[in-house]
Amino acid sequence: MKYFSITGTARAWLSLGLVVTVLSATSCGPGPPPPEGQLAIEEVAKWYKHFRVSNRNRPPANEKQFVKYISGRLKARGNPTDVDQLLTSPRDGQRYVVRYGRPNSKRMDRNVAAHEKEGYGGKKLVAFELGYAMEVDDAELEEFLARE
């Protein structure tokens, strides 16, 4: 009777695959849900980045210019999204503080695109130009704004 034989290299790859599979199954899983409103402000940050990419790396000069840009793109896509609602935080009901007309760092990971005006529970959502957001207190927000 012949038995199946695995070479040393194949055994190493098989072992590595098994380890990765076990680690993936045990350590990765759905984490806690994002804070309410995080996805909404991340959407604003993505539009902010798209605006800059479409306008020779310049940020929108003001809200009117930003709204016109978003509305035009959404209309071209046939998407009836309410831009006023898009620019309003569902947590505090206030317009996001969008960083209009400010020269930003060339490092997009440092650029704050928008943040909540009042926030909720002593925390404000801040969104970065790369499209991610986090919940911070006032001191942390000031630190992010100062390092641009």
N, C-alpha and C. Protein backbone atom coordinates (compact mmCIF):
# COMPACT_ATOMS: atom_id res chain seq x y z
N MET A 1 0.84 -1.17 0.00
CA MET A 1 0.00 0.00 0.00
C MET A 1 0.89 1.23 0.00
N LYS A 2 0.63 2.19 -0.92
CA LYS A 2 1.41 3.41 -1.00
C LYS A 2 0.75 4.51 -0.19
N TYR A 3 1.59 5.26 0.49
CA TYR A 3 1.11 6.40 1.26
C TYR A 3 1.49 7.69 0.56
N PHE A 4 0.68 8.68 0.77
CA PHE A 4 0.93 10.01 0.20
C PHE A 4 2.07 10.65 0.99
N SER A 5 3.05 11.19 0.31
CA SER A 5 4.21 11.79 0.97
C SER A 5 4.26 13.28 0.66
N ILE A 6 4.50 14.09 1.70
CA ILE A 6 4.58 15.54 1.54
C ILE A 6 6.04 15.95 1.72
N THR A 7 6.53 16.77 0.78
CA THR A 7 7.91 17.24 0.88
C THR A 7 8.02 18.28 1.98
N GLY A 8 9.24 18.61 2.37
CA GLY A 8 9.48 19.59 3.43
C GLY A 8 8.89 20.95 3.10
N THR A 9 9.06 21.42 1.87
CA THR A 9 8.54 22.71 1.47
C THR A 9 7.02 22.72 1.49
N ALA A 10 6.43 21.68 0.96
CA ALA A 10 4.97 21.58 0.94
C ALA A 10 4.43 21.52 2.37
N ARG A 11 5.12 20.81 3.25
CA ARG A 11 4.71 20.71 4.65
C ARG A 11 4.77 22.09 5.32
N ALA A 12 5.79 22.86 5.02
CA ALA A 12 5.93 24.21 5.59
C ALA A 12 4.79 25.11 5.14
N TRP A 13 4.48 25.05 3.83
CA TRP A 13 3.37 25.87 3.32
C TRP A 13 2.04 25.43 3.91
N LEU A 14 1.84 24.15 4.05
CA LEU A 14 0.61 23.62 4.64
C LEU A 14 0.49 24.06 6.09
N SER A 15 1.58 24.01 6.83
CA SER A 15 1.58 24.44 8.23
C SER A 15 1.27 25.92 8.34
N LEU A 16 1.90 26.71 7.49
CA LEU A 16 1.66 28.15 7.50
C LEU A 16 0.20 28.45 7.19
N GLY A 17 -0.35 27.78 6.20
CA GLY A 17 -1.76 27.97 5.86
C GLY A 17 -2.68 27.62 7.01
N LEU A 18 -2.35 26.54 7.72
CA LEU A 18 -3.16 26.12 8.86
C LEU A 18 -3.10 27.16 9.98
N VAL A 19 -1.91 27.69 10.24
CA VAL A 19 -1.76 28.71 11.28
C VAL A 19 -2.56 29.97 10.93
N VAL A 20 -2.44 30.42 9.69
CA VAL A 20 -3.17 31.60 9.25
C VAL A 20 -4.67 31.38 9.38
N THR A 21 -5.14 30.22 8.98
CA THR A 21 -6.56 29.91 9.07
C THR A 21 -7.04 29.92 10.52
N VAL A 22 -6.30 29.31 11.40
CA VAL A 22 -6.68 29.28 12.81
C VAL A 22 -6.69 30.69 13.40
N LEU A 23 -5.66 31.48 13.10
CA LEU A 23 -5.60 32.84 13.63
C LEU A 23 -6.74 33.69 13.07
N SER A 24 -7.04 33.51 11.81
CA SER A 24 -8.12 34.27 11.21
C SER A 24 -9.46 33.93 11.84
N ALA A 25 -9.66 32.68 12.09
CA ALA A 25 -10.94 32.24 12.67
C ALA A 25 -11.10 32.68 14.11
N THR A 26 -10.00 32.76 14.85
CA THR A 26 -10.12 33.09 16.27
C THR A 26 -9.98 34.57 16.56
N SER A 27 -9.16 35.31 15.80
CA SER A 27 -8.91 36.70 16.18
C SER A 27 -9.68 37.70 15.35
N CYS A 28 -10.10 37.35 14.18
CA CYS A 28 -10.81 38.28 13.34
C CYS A 28 -12.29 37.97 13.40
N GLY A 29 -13.03 38.96 13.56
CA GLY A 29 -14.46 38.82 13.57
C GLY A 29 -15.04 40.21 13.54
N PRO A 30 -16.32 40.28 13.50
CA PRO A 30 -16.89 41.61 13.47
C PRO A 30 -16.58 42.34 14.77
N GLY A 31 -16.02 43.51 14.64
CA GLY A 31 -15.73 44.33 15.82
C GLY A 31 -16.98 45.08 16.22
N PRO A 32 -16.84 45.97 17.16
CA PRO A 32 -18.00 46.76 17.57
C PRO A 32 -18.44 47.66 16.41
N PRO A 33 -19.70 47.98 16.35
CA PRO A 33 -20.17 48.83 15.26
C PRO A 33 -19.59 50.23 15.42
N PRO A 34 -19.45 50.95 14.30
CA PRO A 34 -18.92 52.30 14.40
C PRO A 34 -19.92 53.19 15.16
N PRO A 35 -19.42 54.28 15.77
CA PRO A 35 -20.35 55.20 16.43
C PRO A 35 -21.38 55.70 15.44
N GLU A 36 -22.56 55.96 15.93
CA GLU A 36 -23.63 56.48 15.06
C GLU A 36 -23.13 57.74 14.36
N GLY A 37 -23.31 57.82 13.10
CA GLY A 37 -22.90 58.98 12.34
C GLY A 37 -21.53 58.87 11.71
N GLN A 38 -20.75 57.88 12.08
CA GLN A 38 -19.39 57.76 11.54
C GLN A 38 -19.42 57.55 10.03
N LEU A 39 -20.30 56.71 9.56
CA LEU A 39 -20.36 56.46 8.11
C LEU A 39 -20.80 57.72 7.36
N ALA A 40 -21.66 58.52 7.99
CA ALA A 40 -22.14 59.75 7.35
C ALA A 40 -21.01 60.76 7.18
N ILE A 41 -20.20 60.96 8.21
CA ILE A 41 -19.11 61.94 8.10
C ILE A 41 -17.99 61.40 7.20
N GLU A 42 -17.82 60.09 7.16
CA GLU A 42 -16.83 59.52 6.25
C GLU A 42 -17.23 59.78 4.80
N GLU A 43 -18.51 59.80 4.54
CA GLU A 43 -19.00 60.11 3.19
C GLU A 43 -18.64 61.55 2.81
N VAL A 44 -18.77 62.48 3.76
CA VAL A 44 -18.39 63.87 3.52
C VAL A 44 -16.89 63.95 3.22
N ALA A 45 -16.08 63.24 3.98
CA ALA A 45 -14.63 63.24 3.76
C ALA A 45 -14.28 62.70 2.37
N LYS A 46 -14.99 61.69 1.93
CA LYS A 46 -14.72 61.14 0.59
C LYS A 46 -15.04 62.17 -0.50
N TRP A 47 -16.15 62.90 -0.33
CA TRP A 47 -16.49 63.94 -1.29
C TRP A 47 -15.45 65.05 -1.28
N TYR A 48 -14.95 65.38 -0.09
CA TYR A 48 -13.92 66.41 0.05
C TYR A 48 -12.67 66.00 -0.73
N LYS A 49 -12.26 64.75 -0.57
CA LYS A 49 -11.09 64.24 -1.28
C LYS A 49 -11.32 64.26 -2.79
N HIS A 50 -12.50 63.82 -3.23
CA HIS A 50 -12.82 63.82 -4.67
C HIS A 50 -12.77 65.24 -5.23
N PHE A 51 -13.27 66.19 -4.43
CA PHE A 51 -13.23 67.57 -4.88
C PHE A 51 -11.79 68.00 -5.12
N ARG A 52 -10.92 67.74 -4.15
CA ARG A 52 -9.51 68.15 -4.28
C ARG A 52 -8.85 67.48 -5.47
N VAL A 53 -9.09 66.20 -5.65
CA VAL A 53 -8.50 65.48 -6.78
C VAL A 53 -8.97 66.08 -8.11
N SER A 54 -10.22 66.49 -8.17
CA SER A 54 -10.78 67.05 -9.40
C SER A 54 -10.41 68.51 -9.63
N ASN A 55 -9.84 69.15 -8.61
CA ASN A 55 -9.57 70.59 -8.70
C ASN A 55 -8.11 70.93 -8.38
N ARG A 56 -7.19 70.20 -8.99
CA ARG A 56 -5.75 70.44 -8.84
C ARG A 56 -5.31 70.57 -7.39
N ASN A 57 -5.82 69.70 -6.55
CA ASN A 57 -5.44 69.59 -5.15
C ASN A 57 -5.90 70.77 -4.28
N ARG A 58 -6.83 71.55 -4.79
CA ARG A 58 -7.36 72.66 -4.01
C ARG A 58 -8.61 72.21 -3.26
N PRO A 59 -8.75 72.63 -2.00
CA PRO A 59 -9.97 72.31 -1.26
C PRO A 59 -11.11 73.21 -1.73
N PRO A 60 -12.34 72.86 -1.44
CA PRO A 60 -13.44 73.75 -1.81
C PRO A 60 -13.28 75.09 -1.09
N ALA A 61 -13.54 76.19 -1.80
CA ALA A 61 -13.38 77.53 -1.23
C ALA A 61 -14.45 77.83 -0.19
N ASN A 62 -15.64 77.29 -0.41
CA ASN A 62 -16.75 77.58 0.49
C ASN A 62 -17.84 76.51 0.33
N GLU A 63 -18.85 76.60 1.16
CA GLU A 63 -19.92 75.60 1.13
C GLU A 63 -20.66 75.61 -0.20
N LYS A 64 -20.89 76.79 -0.76
CA LYS A 64 -21.63 76.89 -2.02
C LYS A 64 -20.92 76.10 -3.12
N GLN A 65 -19.61 76.26 -3.21
CA GLN A 65 -18.82 75.56 -4.22
C GLN A 65 -18.85 74.05 -3.98
N PHE A 66 -18.75 73.63 -2.73
CA PHE A 66 -18.75 72.22 -2.38
C PHE A 66 -20.10 71.58 -2.69
N VAL A 67 -21.18 72.25 -2.32
CA VAL A 67 -22.54 71.74 -2.58
C VAL A 67 -22.79 71.64 -4.08
N LYS A 68 -22.34 72.65 -4.83
CA LYS A 68 -22.52 72.62 -6.29
C LYS A 68 -21.78 71.43 -6.90
N TYR A 69 -20.56 71.17 -6.43
CA TYR A 69 -19.78 70.04 -6.93
C TYR A 69 -20.49 68.71 -6.64
N ILE A 70 -20.88 68.51 -5.38
CA ILE A 70 -21.53 67.25 -4.99
C ILE A 70 -22.84 67.08 -5.75
N SER A 71 -23.64 68.14 -5.80
CA SER A 71 -24.94 68.06 -6.48
C SER A 71 -24.77 67.70 -7.95
N GLY A 72 -23.78 68.32 -8.60
CA GLY A 72 -23.52 68.03 -10.01
C GLY A 72 -23.14 66.58 -10.24
N ARG A 73 -22.27 66.06 -9.38
CA ARG A 73 -21.85 64.66 -9.52
C ARG A 73 -23.01 63.70 -9.26
N LEU A 74 -23.80 64.00 -8.23
CA LEU A 74 -24.93 63.12 -7.92
C LEU A 74 -25.98 63.17 -9.02
N LYS A 75 -26.22 64.35 -9.56
CA LYS A 75 -27.20 64.49 -10.64
C LYS A 75 -26.75 63.71 -11.87
N ALA A 76 -25.45 63.77 -12.17
CA ALA A 76 -24.91 63.03 -13.32
C ALA A 76 -25.08 61.53 -13.13
N ARG A 77 -25.06 61.08 -11.90
CA ARG A 77 -25.23 59.65 -11.60
C ARG A 77 -26.70 59.25 -11.48
N GLY A 78 -27.58 60.25 -11.48
CA GLY A 78 -29.00 59.96 -11.31
C GLY A 78 -29.35 59.64 -9.87
N ASN A 79 -28.56 60.16 -8.95
CA ASN A 79 -28.78 59.89 -7.54
C ASN A 79 -29.40 61.12 -6.87
N PRO A 80 -30.61 60.98 -6.34
CA PRO A 80 -31.30 62.12 -5.75
C PRO A 80 -30.94 62.42 -4.29
N THR A 81 -29.71 62.18 -3.88
CA THR A 81 -29.30 62.40 -2.50
C THR A 81 -29.43 63.87 -2.13
N ASP A 82 -29.96 64.13 -0.94
CA ASP A 82 -30.11 65.47 -0.41
C ASP A 82 -28.76 65.92 0.15
N VAL A 83 -28.13 66.89 -0.50
CA VAL A 83 -26.80 67.34 -0.09
C VAL A 83 -26.86 68.02 1.27
N ASP A 84 -27.94 68.73 1.57
CA ASP A 84 -28.07 69.36 2.89
C ASP A 84 -28.05 68.30 4.00
N GLN A 85 -28.74 67.22 3.77
CA GLN A 85 -28.74 66.12 4.74
C GLN A 85 -27.35 65.49 4.83
N LEU A 86 -26.67 65.35 3.70
CA LEU A 86 -25.33 64.78 3.67
C LEU A 86 -24.36 65.60 4.52
N LEU A 87 -24.52 66.92 4.53
CA LEU A 87 -23.61 67.81 5.25
C LEU A 87 -24.06 68.12 6.68
N THR A 88 -25.05 67.37 7.17
CA THR A 88 -25.55 67.57 8.53
C THR A 88 -25.33 66.31 9.36
N SER A 89 -24.80 66.51 10.55
CA SER A 89 -24.54 65.38 11.44
C SER A 89 -25.85 64.81 11.97
N PRO A 90 -26.02 63.49 11.88
CA PRO A 90 -27.23 62.89 12.45
C PRO A 90 -27.18 62.85 13.98
N ARG A 91 -26.01 63.07 14.56
CA ARG A 91 -25.87 63.00 16.01
C ARG A 91 -26.24 64.31 16.69
N ASP A 92 -25.78 65.45 16.16
CA ASP A 92 -26.09 66.71 16.83
C ASP A 92 -27.02 67.61 16.01
N GLY A 93 -27.36 67.18 14.79
CA GLY A 93 -28.28 67.95 13.95
C GLY A 93 -27.67 69.23 13.39
N GLN A 94 -26.38 69.43 13.58
CA GLN A 94 -25.70 70.63 13.10
C GLN A 94 -24.95 70.32 11.80
N ARG A 95 -24.71 71.37 11.02
CA ARG A 95 -23.88 71.22 9.83
C ARG A 95 -22.47 70.83 10.27
N TYR A 96 -21.85 69.96 9.51
CA TYR A 96 -20.46 69.64 9.77
C TYR A 96 -19.61 70.89 9.56
N VAL A 97 -18.54 70.99 10.30
CA VAL A 97 -17.56 72.05 10.09
C VAL A 97 -16.59 71.49 9.04
N VAL A 98 -16.79 71.91 7.81
CA VAL A 98 -15.95 71.45 6.70
C VAL A 98 -14.81 72.45 6.56
N ARG A 99 -13.64 71.97 6.27
CA ARG A 99 -12.44 72.80 6.20
C ARG A 99 -12.34 73.49 4.83
N TYR A 100 -13.21 74.47 4.62
CA TYR A 100 -13.24 75.20 3.35
C TYR A 100 -12.06 76.16 3.24
N GLY A 101 -11.51 76.22 2.03
CA GLY A 101 -10.51 77.22 1.71
C GLY A 101 -9.20 77.15 2.47
N ARG A 102 -8.96 76.10 3.18
CA ARG A 102 -7.73 75.98 3.96
C ARG A 102 -6.71 75.17 3.17
N PRO A 103 -5.51 75.71 3.06
CA PRO A 103 -4.49 74.89 2.40
C PRO A 103 -4.15 73.70 3.30
N ASN A 104 -4.16 72.56 2.72
CA ASN A 104 -3.90 71.34 3.48
C ASN A 104 -2.52 70.81 3.21
N SER A 105 -2.09 69.98 4.10
CA SER A 105 -0.82 69.29 3.94
C SER A 105 -0.91 68.38 2.73
N LYS A 106 0.22 68.11 2.12
CA LYS A 106 0.23 67.15 1.01
C LYS A 106 0.03 65.74 1.53
N ARG A 107 0.18 65.57 2.83
CA ARG A 107 -0.06 64.26 3.45
C ARG A 107 -1.54 64.16 3.79
N MET A 108 -2.28 63.48 2.97
CA MET A 108 -3.73 63.39 3.15
C MET A 108 -4.12 62.73 4.47
N ASP A 109 -3.23 61.92 5.04
CA ASP A 109 -3.57 61.26 6.30
C ASP A 109 -3.66 62.25 7.45
N ARG A 110 -3.13 63.45 7.28
CA ARG A 110 -3.17 64.47 8.33
C ARG A 110 -4.30 65.47 8.13
N ASN A 111 -4.89 65.50 6.98
CA ASN A 111 -5.87 66.52 6.64
C ASN A 111 -7.25 66.22 7.19
N VAL A 112 -7.70 67.09 8.07
CA VAL A 112 -9.07 66.99 8.56
C VAL A 112 -9.96 67.58 7.48
N ALA A 113 -10.92 66.80 7.02
CA ALA A 113 -11.86 67.28 6.02
C ALA A 113 -13.06 67.94 6.69
N ALA A 114 -13.55 67.31 7.77
CA ALA A 114 -14.73 67.84 8.45
C ALA A 114 -14.79 67.29 9.87
N HIS A 115 -15.53 67.99 10.71
CA HIS A 115 -15.77 67.48 12.06
C HIS A 115 -17.13 67.99 12.54
N GLU A 116 -17.64 67.34 13.55
CA GLU A 116 -18.92 67.76 14.11
C GLU A 116 -18.75 69.07 14.86
N LYS A 117 -19.80 69.85 14.86
CA LYS A 117 -19.77 71.13 15.56
C LYS A 117 -19.93 70.94 17.06
N GLU A 118 -20.93 70.16 17.46
CA GLU A 118 -21.19 69.94 18.88
C GLU A 118 -20.91 68.51 19.33
N GLY A 119 -21.15 67.55 18.45
CA GLY A 119 -20.92 66.15 18.79
C GLY A 119 -21.97 65.60 19.74
N TYR A 120 -21.57 64.55 20.44
CA TYR A 120 -22.51 63.88 21.34
C TYR A 120 -21.73 63.29 22.51
N GLY A 121 -22.21 63.52 23.71
CA GLY A 121 -21.60 62.93 24.89
C GLY A 121 -20.16 63.36 25.13
N GLY A 122 -19.84 64.61 24.80
CA GLY A 122 -18.48 65.09 25.00
C GLY A 122 -17.49 64.66 23.94
N LYS A 123 -17.97 64.01 22.91
CA LYS A 123 -17.10 63.53 21.82
C LYS A 123 -17.60 64.09 20.49
N LYS A 124 -16.66 64.30 19.59
CA LYS A 124 -16.99 64.77 18.24
C LYS A 124 -16.38 63.80 17.24
N LEU A 125 -17.10 63.59 16.17
CA LEU A 125 -16.55 62.81 15.07
C LEU A 125 -15.71 63.73 14.20
N VAL A 126 -14.53 63.27 13.86
CA VAL A 126 -13.65 64.01 12.97
C VAL A 126 -13.31 63.07 11.81
N ALA A 127 -13.41 63.61 10.60
CA ALA A 127 -13.15 62.80 9.40
C ALA A 127 -11.93 63.36 8.68
N PHE A 128 -11.10 62.45 8.24
CA PHE A 128 -9.88 62.81 7.54
C PHE A 128 -10.08 62.63 6.04
N GLU A 129 -9.29 63.35 5.30
CA GLU A 129 -9.43 63.35 3.85
C GLU A 129 -9.30 61.98 3.22
N LEU A 130 -8.62 61.07 3.85
CA LEU A 130 -8.50 59.72 3.29
C LEU A 130 -9.79 58.92 3.43
N GLY A 131 -10.78 59.48 4.12
CA GLY A 131 -12.09 58.83 4.16
C GLY A 131 -12.40 58.09 5.44
N TYR A 132 -11.54 58.13 6.43
CA TYR A 132 -11.85 57.47 7.69
C TYR A 132 -12.18 58.52 8.75
N ALA A 133 -12.86 58.10 9.80
CA ALA A 133 -13.26 59.01 10.86
C ALA A 133 -13.03 58.36 12.21
N MET A 134 -12.95 59.20 13.23
CA MET A 134 -12.85 58.70 14.60
C MET A 134 -13.55 59.67 15.53
N GLU A 135 -13.88 59.15 16.68
CA GLU A 135 -14.54 59.95 17.70
C GLU A 135 -13.47 60.46 18.67
N VAL A 136 -13.44 61.78 18.91
CA VAL A 136 -12.42 62.38 19.75
C VAL A 136 -13.05 63.40 20.69
N ASP A 137 -12.28 63.78 21.72
CA ASP A 137 -12.73 64.87 22.58
C ASP A 137 -12.20 66.19 22.00
N ASP A 138 -12.56 67.31 22.64
CA ASP A 138 -12.17 68.62 22.11
C ASP A 138 -10.66 68.80 22.04
N ALA A 139 -9.94 68.34 23.04
CA ALA A 139 -8.48 68.48 23.06
C ALA A 139 -7.84 67.72 21.90
N GLU A 140 -8.32 66.50 21.64
CA GLU A 140 -7.78 65.71 20.53
C GLU A 140 -8.09 66.38 19.20
N LEU A 141 -9.30 66.94 19.07
CA LEU A 141 -9.66 67.62 17.83
C LEU A 141 -8.74 68.81 17.59
N GLU A 142 -8.50 69.60 18.62
CA GLU A 142 -7.60 70.75 18.49
C GLU A 142 -6.19 70.31 18.08
N GLU A 143 -5.76 69.18 18.61
CA GLU A 143 -4.45 68.64 18.26
C GLU A 143 -4.39 68.28 16.78
N PHE A 144 -5.45 67.64 16.27
CA PHE A 144 -5.49 67.28 14.85
C PHE A 144 -5.50 68.53 13.96
N LEU A 145 -6.26 69.53 14.37
CA LEU A 145 -6.36 70.76 13.57
C LEU A 145 -5.03 71.53 13.58
N ALA A 146 -4.32 71.48 14.69
CA ALA A 146 -3.07 72.21 14.81
C ALA A 146 -1.94 71.58 14.00
N ARG A 147 -1.98 70.30 13.74
CA ARG A 147 -0.86 69.64 13.07
C ARG A 147 -0.97 69.67 11.55
N GLU A 148 -1.99 70.26 11.03
CA GLU A 148 -2.13 70.35 9.57
C GLU A 148 -1.10 71.29 9.01
